[in-house]
PDB file of N, CA and C in Angstrom:
ATOM      1  N   MET A   1       0.661  -1.335  -0.061  1.00  0.00           N
ATOM      2  CA  MET A   1      -0.099  -0.261  -0.156  1.00  0.00           C
ATOM      3  C   MET A   1       0.960   1.338   0.316  1.00  0.00           C
ATOM      4  N   LEU A   2       0.488   1.942  -0.913  1.00  0.00           N
ATOM      5  CA  LEU A   2       1.197   3.006  -0.939  1.00  0.00           C
ATOM      6  C   LEU A   2       0.616   4.543   0.430  1.00  0.00           C
ATOM      7  N   SER A   3       1.610   5.329   0.737  1.00  0.00           N
ATOM      8  CA  SER A   3       1.032   6.223   1.737  1.00  0.00           C
ATOM      9  C   SER A   3       1.884   7.905   1.504  1.00  0.00           C
ATOM     10  N   VAL A   4       1.587   8.680   1.988  1.00  0.00           N
ATOM     11  CA  VAL A   4       2.532   9.892   1.865  1.00  0.00           C
ATOM     12  C   VAL A   4       2.692   9.952   3.401  1.00  0.00           C
ATOM     13  N   GLU A   5       4.422  10.061   3.609  1.00  0.00           N
ATOM     14  CA  GLU A   5       4.661  10.455   5.057  1.00  0.00           C
ATOM     15  C   GLU A   5       4.855  12.207   5.013  1.00  0.00           C
ATOM     16  N   ILE A   6       4.614  12.948   6.907  1.00  0.00           N
ATOM     17  CA  ILE A   6       5.025  14.150   7.087  1.00  0.00           C
ATOM     18  C   ILE A   6       5.564  14.686   7.807  1.00  0.00           C
ATOM     19  N   TYR A   7       6.900  14.354   7.815  1.00  0.00           N
ATOM     20  CA  TYR A   7       7.779  14.600   8.905  1.00  0.00           C
ATOM     21  C   TYR A   7       7.724  16.028   9.315  1.00  0.00           C
ATOM     22  N   TYR A   8       8.583  15.543  11.226  1.00  0.00           N
ATOM     23  CA  TYR A   8       7.852  17.281  11.686  1.00  0.00           C
ATOM     24  C   TYR A   8       9.263  17.411  11.923  1.00  0.00           C
ATOM     25  N   TYR A   9       9.911  18.468  11.992  1.00  0.00           N
ATOM     26  CA  TYR A   9      11.530  19.042  13.099  1.00  0.00           C
ATOM     27  C   TYR A   9      10.915  18.684  14.091  1.00  0.00           C
ATOM     28  N   GLY A  10      11.784  17.276  14.665  1.00  0.00           N
ATOM     29  CA  GLY A  10      11.695  17.447  16.491  1.00  0.00           C
ATOM     30  C   GLY A  10      10.924  16.068  16.574  1.00  0.00           C
ATOM     31  N   THR A  11      10.359  15.688  15.314  1.00  0.00           N
ATOM     32  CA  THR A  11       9.429  14.910  16.093  1.00  0.00           C
ATOM     33  C   THR A  11       9.714  13.377  15.117  1.00  0.00           C
ATOM     34  N   PRO A  12      10.285  12.346  15.983  1.00  0.00           N
ATOM     35  CA  PRO A  12      10.179  10.984  15.488  1.00  0.00           C
ATOM     36  C   PRO A  12       9.811  10.396  14.129  1.00  0.00           C
ATOM     37  N   GLN A  13       8.089   9.947  15.274  1.00  0.00           N
ATOM     38  CA  GLN A  13       6.794   9.325  13.812  1.00  0.00           C
ATOM     39  C   GLN A  13       6.418  11.210  13.371  1.00  0.00           C
ATOM     40  N   PRO A  14       5.338  10.149  11.934  1.00  0.00           N
ATOM     41  CA  PRO A  14       5.820  11.060  10.483  1.00  0.00           C
ATOM     42  C   PRO A  14       3.774  10.939  10.215  1.00  0.00           C
ATOM     43  N   LEU A  15       3.447  12.216  10.350  1.00  0.00           N
ATOM     44  CA  LEU A  15       2.329  11.841  10.172  1.00  0.00           C
ATOM     45  C   LEU A  15       1.987  11.120   8.629  1.00  0.00           C
ATOM     46  N   THR A  16       1.040   9.967   8.564  1.00  0.00           N
ATOM     47  CA  THR A  16       0.824   9.481   7.696  1.00  0.00           C
ATOM     48  C   THR A  16      -0.060   9.720   7.090  1.00  0.00           C
ATOM     49  N   ILE A  17      -0.308   9.694   5.965  1.00  0.00           N
ATOM     50  CA  ILE A  17      -1.879   9.913   5.181  1.00  0.00           C
ATOM     51  C   ILE A  17      -1.885   8.275   4.347  1.00  0.00           C
ATOM     52  N   PRO A  18      -2.787   7.311   4.234  1.00  0.00           N
ATOM     53  CA  PRO A  18      -2.803   6.227   3.866  1.00  0.00           C
ATOM     54  C   PRO A  18      -2.947   6.908   1.965  1.00  0.00           C
ATOM     55  N   ILE A  19      -3.045   5.763   1.402  1.00  0.00           N
ATOM     56  CA  ILE A  19      -3.852   6.005  -0.357  1.00  0.00           C
ATOM     57  C   ILE A  19      -4.091   4.506  -0.702  1.00  0.00           C
ATOM     58  N   PRO A  20      -5.307   4.448   0.215  1.00  0.00           N
ATOM     59  CA  PRO A  20      -5.554   2.619  -0.524  1.00  0.00           C
ATOM     60  C   PRO A  20      -6.202   2.986  -1.509  1.00  0.00           C
ATOM     61  N   ARG A  21      -6.504   1.278  -1.885  1.00  0.00           N
ATOM     62  CA  ARG A  21      -6.612   0.892  -3.369  1.00  0.00           C
ATOM     63  C   ARG A  21      -6.477   2.152  -4.508  1.00  0.00           C
ATOM     64  N   SER A  22      -5.143   2.299  -4.941  1.00  0.00           N
ATOM     65  CA  SER A  22      -4.627   3.269  -6.217  1.00  0.00           C
ATOM     66  C   SER A  22      -3.888   2.948  -6.636  1.00  0.00           C
ATOM     67  N   ASP A  23      -3.968   3.465  -7.877  1.00  0.00           N
ATOM     68  CA  ASP A  23      -2.602   3.246  -8.604  1.00  0.00           C
ATOM     69  C   ASP A  23      -1.129   3.831  -8.362  1.00  0.00           C
ATOM     70  N   ARG A  24      -0.165   3.662  -9.329  1.00  0.00           N
ATOM     71  CA  ARG A  24       1.092   4.765  -8.976  1.00  0.00           C
ATOM     72  C   ARG A  24       0.846   6.053  -9.467  1.00  0.00           C
ATOM     73  N   ALA A  25      -0.050   5.927 -10.445  1.00  0.00           N
ATOM     74  CA  ALA A  25      -0.013   7.193 -10.880  1.00  0.00           C
ATOM     75  C   ALA A  25      -1.028   8.498 -10.416  1.00  0.00           C
ATOM     76  N   ALA A  26      -2.367   7.923  -9.646  1.00  0.00           N
ATOM     77  CA  ALA A  26      -2.393   8.608  -8.869  1.00  0.00           C
ATOM     78  C   ALA A  26      -2.234   8.887  -8.148  1.00  0.00           C
ATOM     79  N   ALA A  27      -1.563   7.868  -6.906  1.00  0.00           N
ATOM     80  CA  ALA A  27      -0.398   8.240  -5.994  1.00  0.00           C
ATOM     81  C   ALA A  27       0.163   9.171  -5.968  1.00  0.00           C
ATOM     82  N   GLU A  28       1.281   9.273  -6.979  1.00  0.00           N
ATOM     83  CA  GLU A  28       2.061  10.142  -7.459  1.00  0.00           C
ATOM     84  C   GLU A  28       1.453  11.487  -7.578  1.00  0.00           C
ATOM     85  N   SER A  29       0.339  11.483  -8.288  1.00  0.00           N
ATOM     86  CA  SER A  29      -0.584  12.839  -8.811  1.00  0.00           C
ATOM     87  C   SER A  29      -0.782  13.515  -7.364  1.00  0.00           C
ATOM     88  N   TYR A  30      -0.745  12.858  -6.245  1.00  0.00           N
ATOM     89  CA  TYR A  30      -1.753  13.311  -5.082  1.00  0.00           C
ATOM     90  C   TYR A  30       0.069  13.708  -3.850  1.00  0.00           C
ATOM     91  N   PHE A  31       0.811  12.995  -4.435  1.00  0.00           N
ATOM     92  CA  PHE A  31       2.041  13.525  -3.652  1.00  0.00           C
ATOM     93  C   PHE A  31       2.418  14.554  -3.629  1.00  0.00           C
ATOM     94  N   GLN A  32       2.617  14.618  -5.309  1.00  0.00           N
ATOM     95  CA  GLN A  32       3.147  15.849  -6.032  1.00  0.00           C
ATOM     96  C   GLN A  32       2.220  17.425  -5.458  1.00  0.00           C
ATOM     97  N   ARG A  33       1.128  17.149  -5.825  1.00  0.00           N
ATOM     98  CA  ARG A  33       0.114  18.264  -5.271  1.00  0.00           C
ATOM     99  C   ARG A  33       0.467  18.653  -3.551  1.00  0.00           C
ATOM    100  N   LEU A  34       0.649  17.844  -2.877  1.00  0.00           N
ATOM    101  CA  LEU A  34       0.576  17.850  -1.519  1.00  0.00           C
ATOM    102  C   LEU A  34       1.784  18.726  -1.153  1.00  0.00           C
ATOM    103  N   LYS A  35       3.227  18.085  -2.118  1.00  0.00           N
ATOM    104  CA  LYS A  35       4.020  18.710  -1.909  1.00  0.00           C
ATOM    105  C   LYS A  35       4.584  19.890  -2.448  1.00  0.00           C
ATOM    106  N   SER A  36       3.032  20.234  -3.102  1.00  0.00           N
ATOM    107  CA  SER A  36       3.543  21.937  -3.896  1.00  0.00           C
ATOM    108  C   SER A  36       2.622  22.684  -2.747  1.00  0.00           C
ATOM    109  N   GLU A  37       1.645  22.032  -2.331  1.00  0.00           N
ATOM    110  CA  GLU A  37       0.993  23.101  -1.551  1.00  0.00           C
ATOM    111  C   GLU A  37       1.533  23.282  -0.179  1.00  0.00           C
ATOM    112  N   VAL A  38       2.836  22.030  -0.038  1.00  0.00           N
ATOM    113  CA  VAL A  38       3.453  22.758   1.260  1.00  0.00           C
ATOM    114  C   VAL A  38       4.871  23.360   0.941  1.00  0.00           C
ATOM    115  N   ILE A  39       4.937  23.639  -0.274  1.00  0.00           N
ATOM    116  CA  ILE A  39       6.078  24.086  -0.416  1.00  0.00           C
ATOM    117  C   ILE A  39       5.699  25.643  -0.686  1.00  0.00           C
ATOM    118  N   ASP A  40       4.631  25.942  -1.511  1.00  0.00           N
ATOM    119  CA  ASP A  40       3.651  27.402  -1.708  1.00  0.00           C
ATOM    120  C   ASP A  40       3.520  27.717   0.200  1.00  0.00           C
ATOM    121  N   ALA A  41       2.937  27.229   0.139  1.00  0.00           N
ATOM    122  CA  ALA A  41       2.660  27.658   2.233  1.00  0.00           C
ATOM    123  C   ALA A  41       4.283  27.893   2.856  1.00  0.00           C
ATOM    124  N   GLN A  42       5.138  27.291   2.652  1.00  0.00           N
ATOM    125  CA  GLN A  42       6.182  28.022   2.970  1.00  0.00           C
ATOM    126  C   GLN A  42       6.631  29.205   2.664  1.00  0.00           C
ATOM    127  N   ARG A  43       6.572  29.025   1.553  1.00  0.00           N
ATOM    128  CA  ARG A  43       6.928  30.504   0.642  1.00  0.00           C
ATOM    129  C   ARG A  43       6.170  31.760   0.900  1.00  0.00           C
ATOM    130  N   HIS A  44       4.777  31.535   1.620  1.00  0.00           N
ATOM    131  CA  HIS A  44       4.070  31.971   1.497  1.00  0.00           C
ATOM    132  C   HIS A  44       3.930  32.959   2.774  1.00  0.00           C
ATOM    133  N   SER A  45       4.614  32.168   3.890  1.00  0.00           N
ATOM    134  CA  SER A  45       4.525  32.243   5.821  1.00  0.00           C
ATOM    135  C   SER A  45       3.132  32.090   6.282  1.00  0.00           C
ATOM    136  N   GLN A  46       2.462  31.002   5.558  1.00  0.00           N
ATOM    137  CA  GLN A  46       1.236  30.681   5.901  1.00  0.00           C
ATOM    138  C   GLN A  46       1.466  30.072   7.275  1.00  0.00           C
ATOM    139  N   LYS A  47       0.464  30.178   8.648  1.00  0.00           N
ATOM    140  CA  LYS A  47       0.581  29.607   9.732  1.00  0.00           C
ATOM    141  C   LYS A  47       0.787  28.243   9.615  1.00  0.00           C
ATOM    142  N   ARG A  48      -1.064  27.877   9.129  1.00  0.00           N
ATOM    143  CA  ARG A  48      -2.196  26.512   8.982  1.00  0.00           C
ATOM    144  C   ARG A  48      -1.871  26.248   7.956  1.00  0.00           C
ATOM    145  N   LEU A  49      -2.382  25.256   7.143  1.00  0.00           N
ATOM    146  CA  LEU A  49      -2.557  24.622   5.955  1.00  0.00           C
ATOM    147  C   LEU A  49      -3.512  23.549   6.400  1.00  0.00           C
ATOM    148  N   SER A  50      -4.368  22.949   5.533  1.00  0.00           N
ATOM    149  CA  SER A  50      -5.536  22.221   5.851  1.00  0.00           C
ATOM    150  C   SER A  50      -4.675  20.926   4.428  1.00  0.00           C
ATOM    151  N   ILE A  51      -4.742  20.354   4.996  1.00  0.00           N
ATOM    152  CA  ILE A  51      -4.383  19.111   4.382  1.00  0.00           C
ATOM    153  C   ILE A  51      -5.361  17.945   4.028  1.00  0.00           C
ATOM    154  N   GLN A  52      -5.778  18.113   2.526  1.00  0.00           N
ATOM    155  CA  GLN A  52      -7.230  17.216   1.840  1.00  0.00           C
ATOM    156  C   GLN A  52      -6.541  15.748   2.130  1.00  0.00           C
ATOM    157  N   PRO A  53      -7.299  15.110   2.881  1.00  0.00           N
ATOM    158  CA  PRO A  53      -6.692  13.447   2.528  1.00  0.00           C
ATOM    159  C   PRO A  53      -6.606  12.888   0.712  1.00  0.00           C
ATOM    160  N   PHE A  54      -6.533  11.288   0.712  1.00  0.00           N
ATOM    161  CA  PHE A  54      -6.414  10.969  -0.262  1.00  0.00           C
ATOM    162  C   PHE A  54      -8.158  10.538  -0.399  1.00  0.00           C
ATOM    163  N   ASP A  55      -8.324   9.885  -0.017  1.00  0.00           N
ATOM    164  CA  ASP A  55      -9.862   9.386   0.257  1.00  0.00           C
ATOM    165  C   ASP A  55     -10.573  10.521   1.344  1.00  0.00           C
ATOM    166  N   SER A  56     -11.623  10.783   0.358  1.00  0.00           N
ATOM    167  CA  SER A  56     -12.646  11.536   0.726  1.00  0.00           C
ATOM    168  C   SER A  56     -13.088  11.472   2.061  1.00  0.00           C
ATOM    169  N   SER A  57     -13.481  10.186   2.624  1.00  0.00           N
ATOM    170  CA  SER A  57     -14.285   9.698   3.829  1.00  0.00           C
ATOM    171  C   SER A  57     -13.304   9.905   4.825  1.00  0.00           C
ATOM    172  N   GLN A  58     -12.163  10.077   4.680  1.00  0.00           N
ATOM    173  CA  GLN A  58     -11.236  10.941   6.024  1.00  0.00           C
ATOM    174  C   GLN A  58     -11.359  12.428   5.951  1.00  0.00           C
ATOM    175  N   GLU A  59     -10.762  12.854   7.246  1.00  0.00           N
ATOM    176  CA  GLU A  59     -10.915  14.243   7.523  1.00  0.00           C
ATOM    177  C   GLU A  59      -9.696  14.993   6.944  1.00  0.00           C
ATOM    178  N   ALA A  60      -9.459  15.991   6.580  1.00  0.00           N
ATOM    179  CA  ALA A  60      -8.752  17.042   6.893  1.00  0.00           C
ATOM    180  C   ALA A  60      -7.662  17.252   7.985  1.00  0.00           C
ATOM    181  N   GLN A  61      -6.316  17.394   7.459  1.00  0.00           N
ATOM    182  CA  GLN A  61      -5.418  17.647   9.373  1.00  0.00           C
ATOM    183  C   GLN A  61      -5.186  18.782   8.584  1.00  0.00           C
ATOM    184  N   GLU A  62      -5.177  19.625   9.542  1.00  0.00           N
ATOM    185  CA  GLU A  62      -4.271  20.914   9.737  1.00  0.00           C
ATOM    186  C   GLU A  62      -3.112  20.835  10.108  1.00  0.00           C
ATOM    187  N   VAL A  63      -1.904  21.480   9.353  1.00  0.00           N
ATOM    188  CA  VAL A  63      -0.954  21.092   9.830  1.00  0.00           C
ATOM    189  C   VAL A  63       0.182  22.877   9.875  1.00  0.00           C
ATOM    190  N   GLU A  64       1.407  22.874  10.627  1.00  0.00           N
ATOM    191  CA  GLU A  64       1.931  24.042  10.554  1.00  0.00           C
ATOM    192  C   GLU A  64       3.059  23.930   9.430  1.00  0.00           C
ATOM    193  N   PRO A  65       3.048  24.486   8.333  1.00  0.00           N
ATOM    194  CA  PRO A  65       4.392  24.341   7.284  1.00  0.00           C
ATOM    195  C   PRO A  65       5.583  25.189   7.406  1.00  0.00           C
ATOM    196  N   PHE A  66       5.951  25.609   8.265  1.00  0.00           N
ATOM    197  CA  PHE A  66       7.172  26.106   9.090  1.00  0.00           C
ATOM    198  C   PHE A  66       7.131  24.601   9.501  1.00  0.00           C
ATOM    199  N   GLU A  67       6.831  24.048  10.165  1.00  0.00           N
ATOM    200  CA  GLU A  67       7.541  22.450  10.576  1.00  0.00           C
ATOM    201  C   GLU A  67       7.404  21.533  10.212  1.00  0.00           C
ATOM    202  N   ILE A  68       7.117  21.068   8.932  1.00  0.00           N
ATOM    203  CA  ILE A  68       7.273  20.366   8.135  1.00  0.00           C
ATOM    204  C   ILE A  68       8.882  20.475   7.687  1.00  0.00           C
ATOM    205  N   GLN A  69       9.281  19.051   7.465  1.00  0.00           N
ATOM    206  CA  GLN A  69      10.840  18.977   7.522  1.00  0.00           C
ATOM    207  C   GLN A  69      10.345  18.272   5.907  1.00  0.00           C
ATOM    208  N   GLN A  70       9.896  16.835   5.818  1.00  0.00           N
ATOM    209  CA  GLN A  70      10.113  16.564   4.469  1.00  0.00           C
ATOM    210  C   GLN A  70       8.372  15.903   4.401  1.00  0.00           C
ATOM    211  N   VAL A  71       8.958  15.776   3.033  1.00  0.00           N
ATOM    212  CA  VAL A  71       7.122  14.473   2.613  1.00  0.00           C
ATOM    213  C   VAL A  71       7.993  13.608   1.468  1.00  0.00           C
ATOM    214  N   GLU A  72       7.674  12.665   2.053  1.00  0.00           N
ATOM    215  CA  GLU A  72       7.780  11.427   1.003  1.00  0.00           C
ATOM    216  C   GLU A  72       6.785  10.676   1.019  1.00  0.00           C
ATOM    217  N   LEU A  73       6.706   9.857   0.042  1.00  0.00           N
ATOM    218  CA  LEU A  73       5.093   8.954  -1.202  1.00  0.00           C
ATOM    219  C   LEU A  73       6.485   7.398  -0.877  1.00  0.00           C
ATOM    220  N   VAL A  74       6.172   7.076   0.048  1.00  0.00           N
ATOM    221  CA  VAL A  74       6.313   5.474   0.740  1.00  0.00           C
ATOM    222  C   VAL A  74       5.305   4.423   0.520  1.00  0.00           C
ATOM    223  N   GLU A  75       6.300   3.338  -0.170  1.00  0.00           N
ATOM    224  CA  GLU A  75       5.516   2.054  -0.559  1.00  0.00           C
ATOM    225  C   GLU A  75       5.885   0.838   0.039  1.00  0.00           C
ATOM    226  N   THR A  76       4.781   0.872   1.485  1.00  0.00           N
ATOM    227  CA  THR A  76       5.459  -0.012   2.104  1.00  0.00           C
ATOM    228  C   THR A  76       5.240  -1.785   2.126  1.00  0.00           C
ATOM    229  N   ALA A  77       4.988  -2.297   1.319  1.00  0.00           N
ATOM    230  CA  ALA A  77       5.321  -3.690   0.745  1.00  0.00           C
ATOM    231  C   ALA A  77       6.562  -4.056   0.760  1.00  0.00           C
ATOM    232  N   ASN A  78       7.144  -2.870  -0.588  1.00  0.00           N
ATOM    233  CA  ASN A  78       8.315  -3.258  -1.444  1.00  0.00           C
ATOM    234  C   ASN A  78       9.644  -2.487  -0.362  1.00  0.00           C
ATOM    235  N   ASP A  79       9.039  -1.106   0.381  1.00  0.00           N
ATOM    236  CA  ASP A  79       9.958  -0.319   1.351  1.00  0.00           C
ATOM    237  C   ASP A  79      11.030   0.185  -0.159  1.00  0.00           C
ATOM    238  N   VAL A  80      10.018   1.054  -0.868  1.00  0.00           N
ATOM    239  CA  VAL A  80      10.621   1.475  -2.009  1.00  0.00           C
ATOM    240  C   VAL A  80      10.039   3.889  -1.188  1.00  0.00           C
ATOM    241  N   THR A  81      10.982   4.412  -1.125  1.00  0.00           N
ATOM    242  CA  THR A  81      10.860   5.578  -1.025  1.00  0.00           C
ATOM    243  C   THR A  81      11.198   6.274  -1.788  1.00  0.00           C
ATOM    244  N   ASP A  82      10.333   7.534  -2.101  1.00  0.00           N
ATOM    245  CA  ASP A  82      10.564   8.775  -2.836  1.00  0.00           C
ATOM    246  C   ASP A  82      10.255   9.743  -2.246  1.00  0.00           C
ATOM    247  N   ALA A  83      11.690  10.520  -2.015  1.00  0.00           N
ATOM    248  CA  ALA A  83      12.392  11.438  -0.731  1.00  0.00           C
ATOM    249  C   ALA A  83      11.290  12.904  -2.022  1.00  0.00           C
ATOM    250  N   ALA A  84      10.769  14.055  -1.022  1.00  0.00           N
ATOM    251  CA  ALA A  84      10.695  15.178  -1.216  1.00  0.00           C
ATOM    252  C   ALA A  84      11.982  16.342  -0.902  1.00  0.00           C
TER     253      ALA A  84
END
């Protein structure tokens, strides 16, 4: 299964957003959009960013963009990671 992990400075456990039942292209598209939103929020000094989940049945999560260190697309079955 694919998921997006958001790592914060000083926090060992990432915020994980699962991407259930999706193909690789859809997961990569979601990952790229999310990564762009984080970068834009950091550039424009936004204090809060609402992250929309891949699955619309899940709730959006509020994050502080300047505390985000890294965003990764992770494939747990093969343990393959694309770093942002």
